[in-house]
């Protein structure tokens, strides 16, 4: 269970390959109570560009 958060002073966060990274994902302004979010394929990049290679 994730019990602590990183502060801005903690960045950049360094992780070892294959070490889990826990994230929170939410649908903002959801109006349909039947709408669910399922994440299947996730990846990280070394910069803000989502299509760059890790």
C-alpha atoms as a PDB file:
ATOM      1  CA  UNK A   1       0.000   0.000   0.000  1.00  0.00           C
ATOM      2  CA  UNK A   2       1.268   3.426  -0.942  1.00  0.00           C
ATOM      3  CA  UNK A   3       1.433   5.612   2.156  1.00  0.00           C
ATOM      4  CA  UNK A   4       3.777   8.498   1.344  1.00  0.00           C
ATOM      5  CA  UNK A   5       4.129  11.011  -1.459  1.00  0.00           C
ATOM      6  CA  UNK A   6       7.119  12.644  -3.096  1.00  0.00           C
ATOM      7  CA  UNK A   7       7.558  16.370  -2.642  1.00  0.00           C
ATOM      8  CA  UNK A   8       8.995  18.636  -5.313  1.00  0.00           C
ATOM      9  CA  UNK A   9      12.343  18.599  -3.471  1.00  0.00           C
ATOM     10  CA  UNK A  10      12.549  14.791  -3.910  1.00  0.00           C
ATOM     11  CA  UNK A  11      12.775  15.023  -7.716  1.00  0.00           C
ATOM     12  CA  UNK A  12      14.257  13.614  -9.817  1.00  0.00           C
ATOM     13  CA  UNK A  13      13.292  10.242  -8.361  1.00  0.00           C
ATOM     14  CA  UNK A  14      15.751   7.455  -9.175  1.00  0.00           C
ATOM     15  CA  UNK A  15      14.457   3.904  -9.554  1.00  0.00           C
ATOM     16  CA  UNK A  16      16.191   0.603 -10.268  1.00  0.00           C
ATOM     17  CA  UNK A  17      15.111  -1.290 -13.389  1.00  0.00           C
ATOM     18  CA  UNK A  18      12.059  -3.466 -12.645  1.00  0.00           C
ATOM     19  CA  UNK A  19      11.452  -1.725  -9.298  1.00  0.00           C
ATOM     20  CA  UNK A  20       7.719  -0.928  -9.040  1.00  0.00           C
ATOM     21  CA  UNK A  21       6.550   2.636  -9.562  1.00  0.00           C
ATOM     22  CA  UNK A  22       3.141   3.395  -8.069  1.00  0.00           C
ATOM     23  CA  UNK A  23       0.933   6.054  -9.621  1.00  0.00           C
ATOM     24  CA  UNK A  24      -2.563   7.402  -9.221  1.00  0.00           C
ATOM     25  CA  UNK A  25      -4.745   7.924 -12.281  1.00  0.00           C
ATOM     26  CA  UNK A  26      -8.127   9.627 -12.205  1.00  0.00           C
ATOM     27  CA  UNK A  27     -10.758  10.707 -14.712  1.00  0.00           C
ATOM     28  CA  UNK A  28     -11.314  14.402 -14.106  1.00  0.00           C
ATOM     29  CA  UNK A  29     -14.833  15.815 -14.180  1.00  0.00           C
ATOM     30  CA  UNK A  30     -16.443  12.399 -14.524  1.00  0.00           C
ATOM     31  CA  UNK A  31     -20.227  12.717 -14.856  1.00  0.00           C
ATOM     32  CA  UNK A  32     -21.159   9.137 -15.750  1.00  0.00           C
ATOM     33  CA  UNK A  33     -21.024   6.924 -12.617  1.00  0.00           C
ATOM     34  CA  UNK A  34     -20.772   3.809 -14.821  1.00  0.00           C
ATOM     35  CA  UNK A  35     -17.558   4.987 -16.468  1.00  0.00           C
ATOM     36  CA  UNK A  36     -14.449   3.109 -15.298  1.00  0.00           C
ATOM     37  CA  UNK A  37     -10.779   3.495 -16.107  1.00  0.00           C
ATOM     38  CA  UNK A  38      -8.691   0.381 -16.804  1.00  0.00           C
ATOM     39  CA  UNK A  39      -4.965   0.721 -17.461  1.00  0.00           C
ATOM     40  CA  UNK A  40      -3.466  -2.034 -19.565  1.00  0.00           C
ATOM     41  CA  UNK A  41      -0.150  -0.920 -21.080  1.00  0.00           C
ATOM     42  CA  UNK A  42       1.820   1.743 -19.206  1.00  0.00           C
ATOM     43  CA  UNK A  43       5.342   3.049 -19.670  1.00  0.00           C
ATOM     44  CA  UNK A  44       7.602   5.818 -18.438  1.00  0.00           C
ATOM     45  CA  UNK A  45       9.842   8.200 -20.346  1.00  0.00           C
ATOM     46  CA  UNK A  46      12.838  10.237 -19.284  1.00  0.00           C
ATOM     47  CA  UNK A  47      11.194  13.494 -20.418  1.00  0.00           C
ATOM     48  CA  UNK A  48       7.683  14.961 -20.778  1.00  0.00           C
ATOM     49  CA  UNK A  49       7.328  13.763 -24.411  1.00  0.00           C
ATOM     50  CA  UNK A  50       4.964  10.747 -24.196  1.00  0.00           C
ATOM     51  CA  UNK A  51       6.271   9.100 -27.382  1.00  0.00           C
ATOM     52  CA  UNK A  52       9.961   9.254 -26.478  1.00  0.00           C
ATOM     53  CA  UNK A  53      11.847   6.109 -25.578  1.00  0.00           C
ATOM     54  CA  UNK A  54      12.530   5.338 -21.908  1.00  0.00           C
END
